[in-house]
Amino acid sequence: MWALGLVGIGFLGLGQVFATATALALERIPHAAGTGSAVLGTLQSALGAAVAPLMGIAGGHTVVPLFLGMTLCALIATLALRLTK
């Protein structure tokens, strides 16, 4: 049950980050905001489609793959942030 709570907290954070990140990305290209939005949406959908089978490899009886996948993505995002500063 605690794992479901942690996943829920993670998804709450995603809702806040995606909206802000999209707005900040589109702010840099106001003359092509529609194209930028389409590219961002396509990339999000493609990455979701690529990662979903990896998360489901262990079956539907455990949330461990989801937890590991979210942790790995958070570490990659933290590394990318450190490299850009």
Protein backbone atom coordinates (compact mmCIF):
# COMPACT_ATOMS: atom_id res chain seq x y z
CA MET A 1 0.00 0.00 0.00
CA TRP A 2 2.86 2.39 0.75
CA ALA A 3 4.20 1.86 -2.79
CA LEU A 4 0.92 3.08 -4.26
CA GLY A 5 1.19 6.22 -2.13
CA LEU A 6 4.73 6.88 -3.33
CA VAL A 7 3.72 6.39 -6.95
CA GLY A 8 0.82 8.78 -6.40
CA ILE A 9 3.17 11.43 -5.04
CA GLY A 10 5.41 10.93 -8.06
CA PHE A 11 2.52 11.44 -10.46
CA LEU A 12 1.39 14.57 -8.61
CA GLY A 13 4.85 15.99 -9.21
CA LEU A 14 4.70 15.06 -12.88
CA GLY A 15 1.50 17.03 -13.31
CA GLN A 16 3.20 20.14 -12.00
CA VAL A 17 6.45 19.67 -13.93
CA PHE A 18 4.98 18.85 -17.37
CA ALA A 19 2.85 21.99 -17.53
CA THR A 20 5.66 24.27 -16.39
CA ALA A 21 8.30 22.64 -18.60
CA THR A 22 6.05 22.90 -21.66
CA ALA A 23 5.33 26.57 -21.01
CA LEU A 24 9.02 27.36 -20.52
CA ALA A 25 10.02 25.46 -23.66
CA LEU A 26 7.40 27.20 -25.79
CA GLU A 27 8.37 30.60 -24.39
CA ARG A 28 11.68 30.32 -26.24
CA ILE A 29 9.99 29.92 -29.64
CA PRO A 30 6.86 32.11 -29.62
CA HIS A 31 6.83 32.34 -33.43
CA ALA A 32 6.48 28.54 -33.74
CA ALA A 33 4.57 27.63 -30.58
CA GLY A 34 2.21 25.27 -32.44
CA THR A 35 5.05 23.32 -33.99
CA GLY A 36 6.93 23.20 -30.69
CA SER A 37 3.84 21.95 -28.89
CA ALA A 38 3.34 19.23 -31.52
CA VAL A 39 6.95 18.11 -31.23
CA LEU A 40 6.76 17.98 -27.42
CA GLY A 41 3.52 16.00 -27.53
CA THR A 42 4.93 13.56 -30.07
CA LEU A 43 8.09 13.00 -28.02
CA GLN A 44 6.10 12.46 -24.82
CA SER A 45 3.83 9.93 -26.51
CA ALA A 46 6.69 8.12 -28.24
CA LEU A 47 8.75 7.85 -25.06
CA GLY A 48 5.70 6.65 -23.13
CA ALA A 49 5.04 4.00 -25.76
CA ALA A 50 8.67 2.88 -25.67
CA VAL A 51 8.90 2.68 -21.89
CA ALA A 52 5.48 1.11 -21.13
CA PRO A 53 6.44 -2.42 -22.26
CA LEU A 54 9.61 -2.23 -20.19
CA MET A 55 7.58 -1.39 -17.09
CA GLY A 56 5.20 -4.28 -17.74
CA ILE A 57 7.86 -6.95 -18.18
CA ALA A 58 7.46 -8.24 -14.62
CA GLY A 59 3.68 -8.58 -14.99
CA GLY A 60 0.86 -6.87 -13.22
CA HIS A 61 1.52 -8.29 -9.77
CA THR A 62 4.23 -5.90 -8.63
CA VAL A 63 5.01 -2.19 -8.82
CA VAL A 64 8.76 -2.71 -8.53
CA PRO A 65 9.47 -2.15 -12.27
CA LEU A 66 7.45 1.07 -12.19
CA PHE A 67 9.32 2.24 -9.10
CA LEU A 68 12.69 1.40 -10.64
CA GLY A 69 11.77 3.07 -13.93
CA MET A 70 10.63 6.26 -12.20
CA THR A 71 13.75 6.28 -10.04
CA LEU A 72 15.99 5.82 -13.08
CA CYS A 73 14.22 8.63 -14.95
CA ALA A 74 14.54 10.92 -11.91
CA LEU A 75 18.26 10.18 -11.72
CA ILE A 76 18.69 10.88 -15.44
CA ALA A 77 16.77 14.15 -15.09
CA THR A 78 18.92 15.17 -12.11
CA LEU A 79 22.08 14.38 -14.06
CA ALA A 80 20.84 16.39 -17.05
CA LEU A 81 20.06 19.33 -14.76
CA ARG A 82 23.53 19.18 -13.21
CA LEU A 83 25.18 19.06 -16.63
CA THR A 84 23.27 22.12 -17.90
CA LYS A 85 24.04 24.38 -14.95
